Amino acid sequence: MKKYLLSLICLMVLFVLTGCGNKISIKDIDKYLVDKYNKEFHYDYSNTDPLTTSTYTYIYADADGNNFTVQVRGKYISDNYYHVIYDDEISNMFESKLGSDYQLRVSSAGMFRGESTNYQDVFEYINDIPVLNITIYTTSNDFDFIKSNVGEVIANNNFKALFFVYINQLSTTRFNDLIYDDYVWEKDIISSESFQFENGVLLSE
């Protein structure tokens, strides 16, 4: 009986490790993406540990080299490619209000939607986002000015999402050297502040 149980456990582990429990193939994902976005994508790699999760994760890239994630749970496929499409446009909304003395990084990478979800524009997308993260880099310590202008953009567009806003004041030299994918170390930050808006209202600090 013990040998039978041991053999059964070994078969189950092998079943998981070989991906046999996942009926969705790369070809299925490719078709899903082409049908949804009407463009070709390139499969890069999978970073899933099949022993610790029932969700399989695949990293894809578009023709411009922008990476995004596809998740597979059972027969259900979802992806976060819309964050590639819209994050820069969202950033531009706030940057145009704040001016050139500010650099923004917007991330809605946690927003996964399946094949039945399609957005016509950035406003429709934002109104469906539960949480949006905005990091603002500046040489200024006038955080009240930033808070007021961010709030004005949210209020004017009647955005309902939960906005997490992080402000980091940098030296002029570090700010001028900043490129989009830079990691900003804590030692580079002179001062910082964070705040949240939900349903257009500034939450208590």
N, C-alpha and C. Protein backbone atom coordinates (compact mmCIF):
# COMPACT_ATOMS: atom_id res chain seq x y z
N MET A 1 0.83 -1.21 0.00
CA MET A 1 0.00 0.00 0.00
C MET A 1 0.87 1.26 0.00
N LYS A 2 1.95 1.23 0.83
CA LYS A 2 2.84 2.38 0.89
C LYS A 2 3.53 2.62 -0.45
N LYS A 3 3.93 1.51 -1.10
CA LYS A 3 4.59 1.63 -2.41
C LYS A 3 3.63 2.23 -3.43
N TYR A 4 2.35 1.83 -3.33
CA TYR A 4 1.33 2.35 -4.25
C TYR A 4 1.16 3.85 -4.05
N LEU A 5 1.09 4.28 -2.79
CA LEU A 5 0.92 5.72 -2.50
C LEU A 5 2.13 6.52 -2.95
N LEU A 6 3.32 5.95 -2.72
CA LEU A 6 4.54 6.64 -3.13
C LEU A 6 4.59 6.80 -4.64
N SER A 7 4.19 5.75 -5.35
CA SER A 7 4.18 5.80 -6.82
C SER A 7 3.18 6.84 -7.32
N LEU A 8 2.02 6.88 -6.64
CA LEU A 8 0.98 7.84 -7.03
C LEU A 8 1.45 9.27 -6.83
N ILE A 9 2.13 9.53 -5.70
CA ILE A 9 2.65 10.87 -5.41
C ILE A 9 3.70 11.26 -6.45
N CYS A 10 4.57 10.33 -6.79
CA CYS A 10 5.61 10.59 -7.79
C CYS A 10 5.01 10.94 -9.14
N LEU A 11 3.95 10.22 -9.51
CA LEU A 11 3.27 10.49 -10.78
C LEU A 11 2.62 11.86 -10.78
N MET A 12 2.04 12.23 -9.64
CA MET A 12 1.39 13.54 -9.54
C MET A 12 2.41 14.66 -9.65
N VAL A 13 3.58 14.49 -8.99
CA VAL A 13 4.63 15.50 -9.08
C VAL A 13 5.13 15.61 -10.50
N LEU A 14 5.34 14.48 -11.16
CA LEU A 14 5.78 14.48 -12.55
C LEU A 14 4.75 15.14 -13.45
N PHE A 15 3.49 14.91 -13.15
CA PHE A 15 2.39 15.49 -13.91
C PHE A 15 2.44 17.02 -13.86
N VAL A 16 2.72 17.54 -12.66
CA VAL A 16 2.81 18.99 -12.50
C VAL A 16 4.07 19.54 -13.14
N LEU A 17 5.20 18.89 -12.91
CA LEU A 17 6.48 19.39 -13.42
C LEU A 17 6.53 19.44 -14.94
N THR A 18 5.89 18.50 -15.59
CA THR A 18 5.92 18.47 -17.05
C THR A 18 4.87 19.37 -17.67
N GLY A 19 4.05 19.99 -16.81
CA GLY A 19 3.05 20.91 -17.34
C GLY A 19 1.83 20.24 -17.90
N CYS A 20 1.68 18.94 -17.63
CA CYS A 20 0.55 18.21 -18.19
C CYS A 20 -0.77 18.68 -17.61
N GLY A 21 -0.70 19.29 -16.41
CA GLY A 21 -1.93 19.78 -15.81
C GLY A 21 -2.40 21.07 -16.45
N ASN A 22 -1.55 21.68 -17.23
CA ASN A 22 -1.90 22.94 -17.89
C ASN A 22 -2.26 22.65 -19.34
N LYS A 23 -3.54 22.75 -19.68
CA LYS A 23 -4.00 22.37 -21.01
C LYS A 23 -3.83 23.48 -22.03
N ILE A 24 -3.40 24.66 -21.57
CA ILE A 24 -3.18 25.78 -22.48
C ILE A 24 -1.73 25.74 -22.97
N SER A 25 -1.54 25.76 -24.28
CA SER A 25 -0.20 25.73 -24.86
C SER A 25 0.23 27.13 -25.29
N ILE A 26 1.51 27.28 -25.63
CA ILE A 26 2.02 28.55 -26.15
C ILE A 26 1.27 28.93 -27.42
N LYS A 27 0.96 27.94 -28.22
CA LYS A 27 0.20 28.21 -29.46
C LYS A 27 -1.17 28.79 -29.13
N ASP A 28 -1.81 28.28 -28.08
CA ASP A 28 -3.12 28.81 -27.65
C ASP A 28 -2.99 30.26 -27.19
N ILE A 29 -1.92 30.56 -26.46
CA ILE A 29 -1.70 31.92 -25.98
C ILE A 29 -1.43 32.86 -27.15
N ASP A 30 -0.61 32.40 -28.11
CA ASP A 30 -0.33 33.20 -29.31
C ASP A 30 -1.62 33.58 -30.01
N LYS A 31 -2.50 32.61 -30.17
CA LYS A 31 -3.79 32.85 -30.85
C LYS A 31 -4.65 33.81 -30.05
N TYR A 32 -4.69 33.62 -28.74
CA TYR A 32 -5.44 34.51 -27.85
C TYR A 32 -5.00 35.96 -28.04
N LEU A 33 -3.68 36.20 -28.06
CA LEU A 33 -3.16 37.56 -28.17
C LEU A 33 -3.44 38.16 -29.54
N VAL A 34 -3.27 37.37 -30.60
CA VAL A 34 -3.53 37.87 -31.95
C VAL A 34 -5.01 38.21 -32.12
N ASP A 35 -5.88 37.34 -31.61
CA ASP A 35 -7.33 37.59 -31.71
C ASP A 35 -7.73 38.83 -30.93
N LYS A 36 -7.10 39.05 -29.78
CA LYS A 36 -7.49 40.16 -28.91
C LYS A 36 -6.96 41.50 -29.41
N TYR A 37 -5.68 41.52 -29.85
CA TYR A 37 -5.03 42.79 -30.19
C TYR A 37 -4.76 42.97 -31.68
N ASN A 38 -4.99 41.93 -32.46
CA ASN A 38 -4.79 41.98 -33.91
C ASN A 38 -3.35 42.38 -34.27
N LYS A 39 -2.39 41.81 -33.55
CA LYS A 39 -0.98 42.03 -33.83
C LYS A 39 -0.18 40.84 -33.31
N GLU A 40 1.03 40.71 -33.78
CA GLU A 40 1.87 39.59 -33.40
C GLU A 40 2.70 39.92 -32.16
N PHE A 41 2.93 38.89 -31.33
CA PHE A 41 3.76 39.03 -30.15
C PHE A 41 4.77 37.89 -30.10
N HIS A 42 5.81 38.11 -29.32
CA HIS A 42 6.89 37.12 -29.22
C HIS A 42 6.93 36.56 -27.80
N TYR A 43 6.86 35.22 -27.69
CA TYR A 43 6.99 34.58 -26.39
C TYR A 43 8.45 34.65 -25.95
N ASP A 44 8.68 35.12 -24.72
CA ASP A 44 10.02 35.27 -24.21
C ASP A 44 10.39 34.11 -23.28
N TYR A 45 9.72 34.02 -22.14
CA TYR A 45 10.01 32.94 -21.21
C TYR A 45 8.88 32.80 -20.21
N SER A 46 8.93 31.73 -19.43
CA SER A 46 7.98 31.53 -18.34
C SER A 46 8.74 31.63 -17.03
N ASN A 47 8.15 32.32 -16.06
CA ASN A 47 8.81 32.40 -14.75
C ASN A 47 7.94 31.75 -13.67
N THR A 48 7.20 30.73 -14.05
CA THR A 48 6.30 30.05 -13.13
C THR A 48 6.99 28.90 -12.42
N ASP A 49 6.76 28.80 -11.13
CA ASP A 49 7.17 27.62 -10.38
C ASP A 49 5.92 26.76 -10.20
N PRO A 50 5.77 25.66 -10.96
CA PRO A 50 4.53 24.88 -10.93
C PRO A 50 4.26 24.21 -9.60
N LEU A 51 5.26 24.16 -8.71
CA LEU A 51 5.05 23.53 -7.40
C LEU A 51 4.43 24.48 -6.39
N THR A 52 4.46 25.78 -6.66
CA THR A 52 3.98 26.74 -5.67
C THR A 52 2.77 27.54 -6.12
N THR A 53 2.33 27.36 -7.35
CA THR A 53 1.20 28.15 -7.83
C THR A 53 0.37 27.38 -8.84
N SER A 54 -0.91 27.68 -8.89
CA SER A 54 -1.78 27.08 -9.90
C SER A 54 -1.94 28.02 -11.09
N THR A 55 -1.30 29.20 -11.01
CA THR A 55 -1.34 30.17 -12.10
C THR A 55 0.00 30.11 -12.85
N TYR A 56 -0.08 29.87 -14.14
CA TYR A 56 1.12 29.81 -14.98
C TYR A 56 1.38 31.19 -15.59
N THR A 57 2.61 31.64 -15.52
CA THR A 57 2.97 32.99 -15.94
C THR A 57 3.94 32.94 -17.11
N TYR A 58 3.59 33.70 -18.16
CA TYR A 58 4.42 33.74 -19.37
C TYR A 58 4.74 35.19 -19.70
N ILE A 59 5.99 35.45 -20.05
CA ILE A 59 6.42 36.79 -20.41
C ILE A 59 6.48 36.89 -21.93
N TYR A 60 5.79 37.89 -22.47
CA TYR A 60 5.76 38.14 -23.91
C TYR A 60 6.32 39.53 -24.18
N ALA A 61 6.59 39.80 -25.45
CA ALA A 61 7.04 41.13 -25.88
C ALA A 61 6.36 41.49 -27.18
N ASP A 62 6.10 42.78 -27.37
CA ASP A 62 5.54 43.23 -28.64
C ASP A 62 6.68 43.56 -29.61
N ALA A 63 6.34 44.06 -30.78
CA ALA A 63 7.35 44.34 -31.81
C ALA A 63 8.34 45.40 -31.39
N ASP A 64 7.96 46.25 -30.42
CA ASP A 64 8.86 47.31 -29.93
C ASP A 64 9.69 46.87 -28.74
N GLY A 65 9.57 45.61 -28.36
CA GLY A 65 10.35 45.10 -27.24
C GLY A 65 9.75 45.36 -25.87
N ASN A 66 8.50 45.81 -25.82
CA ASN A 66 7.84 46.05 -24.53
C ASN A 66 7.36 44.73 -23.94
N ASN A 67 7.83 44.41 -22.75
CA ASN A 67 7.43 43.17 -22.10
C ASN A 67 6.11 43.32 -21.35
N PHE A 68 5.37 42.24 -21.32
CA PHE A 68 4.15 42.18 -20.53
C PHE A 68 3.93 40.74 -20.11
N THR A 69 2.92 40.51 -19.30
CA THR A 69 2.71 39.19 -18.70
C THR A 69 1.38 38.59 -19.11
N VAL A 70 1.41 37.30 -19.39
CA VAL A 70 0.19 36.53 -19.64
C VAL A 70 0.06 35.52 -18.50
N GLN A 71 -1.12 35.43 -17.93
CA GLN A 71 -1.37 34.47 -16.86
C GLN A 71 -2.39 33.43 -17.33
N VAL A 72 -2.14 32.19 -16.97
CA VAL A 72 -3.05 31.10 -17.32
C VAL A 72 -3.45 30.37 -16.04
N ARG A 73 -4.73 30.31 -15.80
CA ARG A 73 -5.25 29.54 -14.66
C ARG A 73 -6.31 28.58 -15.21
N GLY A 74 -5.97 27.30 -15.24
CA GLY A 74 -6.87 26.33 -15.86
C GLY A 74 -6.97 26.61 -17.35
N LYS A 75 -8.18 26.89 -17.81
CA LYS A 75 -8.41 27.22 -19.21
C LYS A 75 -8.57 28.72 -19.44
N TYR A 76 -8.41 29.50 -18.37
CA TYR A 76 -8.63 30.94 -18.48
C TYR A 76 -7.31 31.67 -18.70
N ILE A 77 -7.27 32.51 -19.75
CA ILE A 77 -6.08 33.30 -20.07
C ILE A 77 -6.38 34.78 -19.84
N SER A 78 -5.45 35.48 -19.22
CA SER A 78 -5.56 36.93 -19.07
C SER A 78 -4.18 37.55 -19.27
N ASP A 79 -4.15 38.86 -19.49
CA ASP A 79 -2.87 39.53 -19.74
C ASP A 79 -2.95 40.97 -19.25
N ASN A 80 -1.78 41.61 -19.17
CA ASN A 80 -1.74 43.02 -18.74
C ASN A 80 -1.14 43.91 -19.82
N TYR A 81 -1.33 43.55 -21.10
CA TYR A 81 -0.74 44.34 -22.17
C TYR A 81 -1.30 45.76 -22.25
N TYR A 82 -2.50 45.97 -21.75
CA TYR A 82 -3.06 47.33 -21.81
C TYR A 82 -2.22 48.32 -21.01
N HIS A 83 -1.47 47.84 -20.03
CA HIS A 83 -0.62 48.78 -19.29
C HIS A 83 0.50 49.29 -20.19
N VAL A 84 0.96 48.47 -21.14
CA VAL A 84 1.95 48.92 -22.12
C VAL A 84 1.34 49.97 -23.04
N ILE A 85 0.10 49.76 -23.41
CA ILE A 85 -0.59 50.67 -24.33
C ILE A 85 -0.87 52.02 -23.67
N TYR A 86 -1.28 52.01 -22.41
CA TYR A 86 -1.84 53.22 -21.81
C TYR A 86 -1.02 53.89 -20.71
N ASP A 87 -0.04 53.23 -20.13
CA ASP A 87 0.67 53.84 -18.99
C ASP A 87 1.34 55.16 -19.37
N ASP A 88 1.98 55.20 -20.54
CA ASP A 88 2.63 56.45 -20.96
C ASP A 88 1.61 57.57 -21.19
N GLU A 89 0.45 57.21 -21.74
CA GLU A 89 -0.59 58.21 -21.99
C GLU A 89 -1.13 58.76 -20.68
N ILE A 90 -1.27 57.90 -19.68
CA ILE A 90 -1.71 58.36 -18.36
C ILE A 90 -0.66 59.29 -17.76
N SER A 91 0.60 58.89 -17.89
CA SER A 91 1.68 59.73 -17.39
C SER A 91 1.66 61.11 -18.02
N ASN A 92 1.42 61.16 -19.32
CA ASN A 92 1.40 62.44 -20.04
C ASN A 92 0.28 63.36 -19.55
N MET A 93 -0.83 62.79 -19.11
CA MET A 93 -1.94 63.59 -18.58
C MET A 93 -1.48 64.44 -17.40
N PHE A 94 -0.73 63.79 -16.50
CA PHE A 94 -0.29 64.47 -15.29
C PHE A 94 0.93 65.34 -15.56
N GLU A 95 1.82 64.88 -16.42
CA GLU A 95 3.01 65.68 -16.74
C GLU A 95 2.63 66.99 -17.43
N SER A 96 1.61 66.94 -18.29
CA SER A 96 1.20 68.15 -18.99
C SER A 96 0.64 69.19 -18.01
N LYS A 97 0.12 68.73 -16.89
CA LYS A 97 -0.40 69.64 -15.86
C LYS A 97 0.73 70.16 -14.97
N LEU A 98 1.69 69.30 -14.66
CA LEU A 98 2.77 69.67 -13.75
C LEU A 98 3.88 70.46 -14.44
N GLY A 99 4.21 70.09 -15.68
CA GLY A 99 5.26 70.79 -16.39
C GLY A 99 6.54 69.96 -16.50
N SER A 100 7.53 70.54 -17.15
CA SER A 100 8.76 69.82 -17.49
C SER A 100 9.69 69.62 -16.30
N ASP A 101 9.41 70.22 -15.16
CA ASP A 101 10.26 70.05 -13.99
C ASP A 101 9.92 68.79 -13.20
N TYR A 102 9.08 67.94 -13.80
CA TYR A 102 8.63 66.73 -13.12
C TYR A 102 8.71 65.55 -14.09
N GLN A 103 9.14 64.41 -13.59
CA GLN A 103 9.12 63.18 -14.37
C GLN A 103 8.23 62.17 -13.65
N LEU A 104 7.37 61.51 -14.43
CA LEU A 104 6.43 60.57 -13.84
C LEU A 104 6.68 59.15 -14.33
N ARG A 105 6.39 58.19 -13.46
CA ARG A 105 6.39 56.78 -13.81
C ARG A 105 5.04 56.24 -13.36
N VAL A 106 4.25 55.81 -14.32
CA VAL A 106 2.91 55.27 -14.04
C VAL A 106 2.93 53.77 -14.24
N SER A 107 2.32 53.04 -13.33
CA SER A 107 2.25 51.59 -13.49
C SER A 107 0.86 51.07 -13.17
N SER A 108 0.27 50.41 -14.17
CA SER A 108 -0.98 49.67 -13.96
C SER A 108 -0.74 48.21 -14.34
N ALA A 109 0.50 47.72 -14.10
CA ALA A 109 0.89 46.38 -14.51
C ALA A 109 0.11 45.29 -13.79
N GLY A 110 -0.52 45.63 -12.69
CA GLY A 110 -1.33 44.64 -11.97
C GLY A 110 -2.71 44.43 -12.56
N MET A 111 -3.01 45.13 -13.65
CA MET A 111 -4.34 45.10 -14.27
C MET A 111 -4.39 43.99 -15.32
N PHE A 112 -4.94 42.83 -14.98
CA PHE A 112 -5.07 41.71 -15.89
C PHE A 112 -6.53 41.57 -16.33
N ARG A 113 -6.73 41.40 -17.63
CA ARG A 113 -8.05 41.21 -18.18
C ARG A 113 -8.01 40.14 -19.27
N GLY A 114 -9.13 39.42 -19.42
CA GLY A 114 -9.21 38.33 -20.38
C GLY A 114 -9.61 38.79 -21.76
N GLU A 115 -9.90 37.81 -22.61
CA GLU A 115 -10.14 38.11 -24.02
C GLU A 115 -11.41 38.92 -24.27
N SER A 116 -12.35 38.88 -23.34
CA SER A 116 -13.61 39.58 -23.56
C SER A 116 -13.53 41.06 -23.23
N THR A 117 -12.40 41.51 -22.67
CA THR A 117 -12.26 42.91 -22.27
C THR A 117 -11.45 43.68 -23.28
N ASN A 118 -12.06 44.72 -23.83
CA ASN A 118 -11.37 45.61 -24.77
C ASN A 118 -11.71 47.05 -24.41
N TYR A 119 -10.69 47.91 -24.47
CA TYR A 119 -10.88 49.32 -24.13
C TYR A 119 -10.74 50.18 -25.38
N GLN A 120 -11.63 51.15 -25.52
CA GLN A 120 -11.61 52.02 -26.69
C GLN A 120 -10.62 53.17 -26.54
N ASP A 121 -10.38 53.58 -25.29
CA ASP A 121 -9.45 54.70 -25.07
C ASP A 121 -8.94 54.65 -23.63
N VAL A 122 -8.02 55.56 -23.33
CA VAL A 122 -7.37 55.57 -22.03
C VAL A 122 -8.35 55.88 -20.90
N PHE A 123 -9.38 56.65 -21.16
CA PHE A 123 -10.34 57.01 -20.12
C PHE A 123 -11.18 55.80 -19.71
N GLU A 124 -11.58 55.02 -20.69
CA GLU A 124 -12.32 53.80 -20.39
C GLU A 124 -11.45 52.83 -19.59
N TYR A 125 -10.17 52.81 -19.95
CA TYR A 125 -9.24 51.95 -19.23
C TYR A 125 -9.07 52.39 -17.78
N ILE A 126 -8.82 53.69 -17.56
CA ILE A 126 -8.62 54.19 -16.20
C ILE A 126 -9.85 53.93 -15.33
N ASN A 127 -11.02 54.08 -15.91
CA ASN A 127 -12.24 53.89 -15.13
C ASN A 127 -12.48 52.44 -14.74
N ASP A 128 -11.69 51.53 -15.29
CA ASP A 128 -11.80 50.11 -14.93
C ASP A 128 -10.64 49.65 -14.06
N ILE A 129 -9.66 50.54 -13.82
CA ILE A 129 -8.50 50.18 -13.02
C ILE A 129 -8.84 50.28 -11.54
N PRO A 130 -8.62 49.22 -10.77
CA PRO A 130 -8.86 49.34 -9.33
C PRO A 130 -7.78 50.15 -8.62
N VAL A 131 -6.50 49.98 -9.03
CA VAL A 131 -5.39 50.66 -8.37
C VAL A 131 -4.39 51.13 -9.42
N LEU A 132 -3.94 52.39 -9.28
CA LEU A 132 -2.94 52.95 -10.19
C LEU A 132 -1.82 53.57 -9.35
N ASN A 133 -0.58 53.19 -9.66
CA ASN A 133 0.58 53.73 -8.95
C ASN A 133 1.27 54.80 -9.78
N ILE A 134 1.53 55.95 -9.16
CA ILE A 134 2.23 57.05 -9.84
C ILE A 134 3.42 57.47 -8.98
N THR A 135 4.61 57.43 -9.56
CA THR A 135 5.81 57.93 -8.89
C THR A 135 6.25 59.20 -9.60
N ILE A 136 6.46 60.26 -8.82
CA ILE A 136 6.83 61.56 -9.38
C ILE A 136 8.22 61.94 -8.88
N TYR A 137 9.11 62.27 -9.82
CA TYR A 137 10.45 62.74 -9.48
C TYR A 137 10.55 64.23 -9.79
N THR A 138 11.16 64.97 -8.87
CA THR A 138 11.28 66.41 -9.03
C THR A 138 12.46 66.93 -8.21
N THR A 139 12.89 68.14 -8.52
CA THR A 139 13.90 68.79 -7.68
C THR A 139 13.25 69.71 -6.65
N SER A 140 11.93 69.86 -6.77
CA SER A 140 11.19 70.78 -5.90
C SER A 140 10.72 70.06 -4.63
N ASN A 141 10.59 70.81 -3.55
CA ASN A 141 10.00 70.27 -2.33
C ASN A 141 8.61 70.84 -2.08
N ASP A 142 8.02 71.42 -3.13
CA ASP A 142 6.67 71.97 -3.01
C ASP A 142 5.66 70.85 -3.25
N PHE A 143 5.54 69.98 -2.27
CA PHE A 143 4.68 68.81 -2.42
C PHE A 143 3.19 69.19 -2.47
N ASP A 144 2.82 70.30 -1.85
CA ASP A 144 1.43 70.74 -1.88
C ASP A 144 1.01 71.12 -3.31
N PHE A 145 1.93 71.71 -4.06
CA PHE A 145 1.65 72.04 -5.45
C PHE A 145 1.39 70.78 -6.26
N ILE A 146 2.21 69.77 -6.05
CA ILE A 146 2.04 68.51 -6.77
C ILE A 146 0.71 67.86 -6.40
N LYS A 147 0.44 67.80 -5.11
CA LYS A 147 -0.80 67.18 -4.63
C LYS A 147 -2.02 67.88 -5.22
N SER A 148 -2.00 69.20 -5.23
CA SER A 148 -3.12 69.97 -5.76
C SER A 148 -3.35 69.71 -7.24
N ASN A 149 -2.28 69.67 -8.02
CA ASN A 149 -2.40 69.50 -9.46
C ASN A 149 -2.76 68.07 -9.85
N VAL A 150 -2.22 67.11 -9.13
CA VAL A 150 -2.62 65.72 -9.36
C VAL A 150 -4.10 65.55 -9.05
N GLY A 151 -4.53 66.14 -7.94
CA GLY A 151 -5.94 66.07 -7.57
C GLY A 151 -6.84 66.73 -8.59
N GLU A 152 -6.36 67.81 -9.20
CA GLU A 152 -7.15 68.52 -10.20
C GLU A 152 -7.36 67.67 -11.45
N VAL A 153 -6.30 66.97 -11.88
CA VAL A 153 -6.43 66.09 -13.04
C VAL A 153 -7.43 64.97 -12.76
N ILE A 154 -7.34 64.40 -11.57
CA ILE A 154 -8.25 63.32 -11.18
C ILE A 154 -9.69 63.82 -11.13
N ALA A 155 -9.89 64.98 -10.49
CA ALA A 155 -11.24 65.52 -10.34
C ALA A 155 -11.84 65.94 -11.68
N ASN A 156 -11.04 66.60 -12.52
CA ASN A 156 -11.54 67.07 -13.82
C ASN A 156 -11.98 65.94 -14.74
N ASN A 157 -11.34 64.78 -14.57
CA ASN A 157 -11.68 63.62 -15.40
C ASN A 157 -12.61 62.63 -14.70
N ASN A 158 -12.98 62.98 -13.46
CA ASN A 158 -13.92 62.15 -12.69
C ASN A 158 -13.41 60.72 -12.55
N PHE A 159 -12.10 60.57 -12.31
CA PHE A 159 -11.51 59.24 -12.16
C PHE A 159 -11.89 58.66 -10.80
N LYS A 160 -12.28 57.39 -10.79
CA LYS A 160 -12.72 56.73 -9.56
C LYS A 160 -11.69 55.78 -8.97
N ALA A 161 -10.62 55.50 -9.70
CA ALA A 161 -9.63 54.53 -9.26
C ALA A 161 -8.95 54.97 -7.98
N LEU A 162 -8.30 54.03 -7.31
CA LEU A 162 -7.47 54.34 -6.16
C LEU A 162 -6.08 54.67 -6.68
N PHE A 163 -5.66 55.92 -6.48
CA PHE A 163 -4.36 56.39 -6.94
C PHE A 163 -3.39 56.42 -5.76
N PHE A 164 -2.29 55.68 -5.88
CA PHE A 164 -1.20 55.77 -4.92
C PHE A 164 -0.13 56.65 -5.56
N VAL A 165 0.17 57.79 -4.94
CA VAL A 165 1.11 58.75 -5.51
C VAL A 165 2.32 58.88 -4.59
N TYR A 166 3.50 58.70 -5.16
CA TYR A 166 4.75 58.79 -4.41
C TYR A 166 5.60 59.90 -5.02
N ILE A 167 6.03 60.85 -4.20
CA ILE A 167 6.86 61.97 -4.67
C ILE A 167 8.27 61.79 -4.11
N ASN A 168 9.26 61.89 -4.99
CA ASN A 168 10.66 61.82 -4.57
C ASN A 168 11.40 63.06 -5.06
N GLN A 169 11.95 63.81 -4.12
CA GLN A 169 12.76 64.98 -4.46
C GLN A 169 14.21 64.54 -4.67
N LEU A 170 14.77 64.90 -5.84
CA LEU A 170 16.14 64.54 -6.17
C LEU A 170 16.99 65.79 -6.33
N SER A 171 18.29 65.60 -6.33
CA SER A 171 19.17 66.72 -6.65
C SER A 171 19.02 67.05 -8.13
N THR A 172 19.39 68.25 -8.52
CA THR A 172 19.29 68.65 -9.92
C THR A 172 20.11 67.73 -10.82
N THR A 173 21.30 67.36 -10.37
CA THR A 173 22.16 66.48 -11.16
C THR A 173 21.52 65.12 -11.37
N ARG A 174 21.00 64.52 -10.30
CA ARG A 174 20.37 63.19 -10.41
C ARG A 174 19.11 63.26 -11.26
N PHE A 175 18.35 64.32 -11.10
CA PHE A 175 17.12 64.47 -11.88
C PHE A 175 17.45 64.59 -13.36
N ASN A 176 18.45 65.38 -13.71
CA ASN A 176 18.81 65.56 -15.12
C ASN A 176 19.37 64.30 -15.75
N ASP A 177 19.94 63.42 -14.93
CA ASP A 177 20.51 62.17 -15.44
C ASP A 177 19.49 61.04 -15.49
N LEU A 178 18.31 61.29 -14.97
CA LEU A 178 17.30 60.24 -14.82
C LEU A 178 16.77 59.79 -16.18
N ILE A 179 16.81 58.48 -16.42
CA ILE A 179 16.18 57.90 -17.59
C ILE A 179 15.05 57.01 -17.14
N TYR A 180 14.22 56.57 -18.07
CA TYR A 180 12.94 55.96 -17.70
C TYR A 180 13.11 54.73 -16.81
N ASP A 181 14.01 53.84 -17.16
CA ASP A 181 14.12 52.57 -16.44
C ASP A 181 15.09 52.62 -15.27
N ASP A 182 15.55 53.81 -14.92
CA ASP A 182 16.49 53.94 -13.80
C ASP A 182 15.89 53.44 -12.49
N TYR A 183 16.73 52.79 -11.71
CA TYR A 183 16.36 52.50 -10.33
C TYR A 183 16.92 53.63 -9.47
N VAL A 184 16.06 54.26 -8.71
CA VAL A 184 16.48 55.37 -7.86
C VAL A 184 16.73 54.84 -6.46
N TRP A 185 17.98 54.95 -6.01
CA TRP A 185 18.36 54.46 -4.69
C TRP A 185 17.88 55.44 -3.61
N GLU A 186 17.68 54.89 -2.44
CA GLU A 186 17.22 55.71 -1.31
C GLU A 186 18.19 56.85 -1.02
N LYS A 187 19.49 56.60 -1.21
CA LYS A 187 20.49 57.63 -0.94
C LYS A 187 20.37 58.82 -1.90
N ASP A 188 19.70 58.59 -3.06
CA ASP A 188 19.54 59.67 -4.03
C ASP A 188 18.35 60.58 -3.70
N ILE A 189 17.51 60.13 -2.78
CA ILE A 189 16.27 60.86 -2.48
C ILE A 189 16.51 61.84 -1.33
N ILE A 190 16.29 63.11 -1.60
CA ILE A 190 16.48 64.15 -0.58
C ILE A 190 15.31 64.14 0.41
N SER A 191 14.10 64.10 -0.12
CA SER A 191 12.90 64.01 0.71
C SER A 191 11.80 63.35 -0.10
N SER A 192 10.78 62.87 0.57
CA SER A 192 9.71 62.16 -0.13
C SER A 192 8.39 62.32 0.61
N GLU A 193 7.33 62.05 -0.11
CA GLU A 193 5.99 62.09 0.48
C GLU A 193 5.08 61.20 -0.36
N SER A 194 4.04 60.69 0.26
CA SER A 194 3.07 59.87 -0.48
C SER A 194 1.66 60.24 -0.05
N PHE A 195 0.72 60.04 -0.95
CA PHE A 195 -0.68 60.30 -0.64
C PHE A 195 -1.56 59.47 -1.57
N GLN A 196 -2.86 59.45 -1.26
CA GLN A 196 -3.78 58.62 -2.03
C GLN A 196 -5.05 59.39 -2.37
N PHE A 197 -5.57 59.12 -3.55
CA PHE A 197 -6.88 59.60 -3.95
C PHE A 197 -7.76 58.40 -4.26
N GLU A 198 -9.00 58.46 -3.81
CA GLU A 198 -9.97 57.43 -4.15
C GLU A 198 -11.31 58.09 -4.43
N ASN A 199 -11.92 57.72 -5.57
CA ASN A 199 -13.15 58.35 -6.00
C ASN A 199 -13.00 59.87 -6.07
N GLY A 200 -11.80 60.31 -6.45
CA GLY A 200 -11.55 61.73 -6.61
C GLY A 200 -11.30 62.49 -5.34
N VAL A 201 -11.23 61.79 -4.21
CA VAL A 201 -11.10 62.45 -2.91
C VAL A 201 -9.73 62.10 -2.32
N LEU A 202 -9.04 63.14 -1.80
CA LEU A 202 -7.77 62.93 -1.13
C LEU A 202 -8.04 62.25 0.23
N LEU A 203 -7.44 61.09 0.43
CA LEU A 203 -7.66 60.36 1.67
C LEU A 203 -6.86 61.01 2.80
N SER A 204 -7.29 60.78 4.00
CA SER A 204 -6.62 61.36 5.17
C SER A 204 -5.18 60.88 5.24
N GLU A 205 -4.30 61.80 5.54
CA GLU A 205 -2.86 61.46 5.61
C GLU A 205 -2.48 60.98 6.99
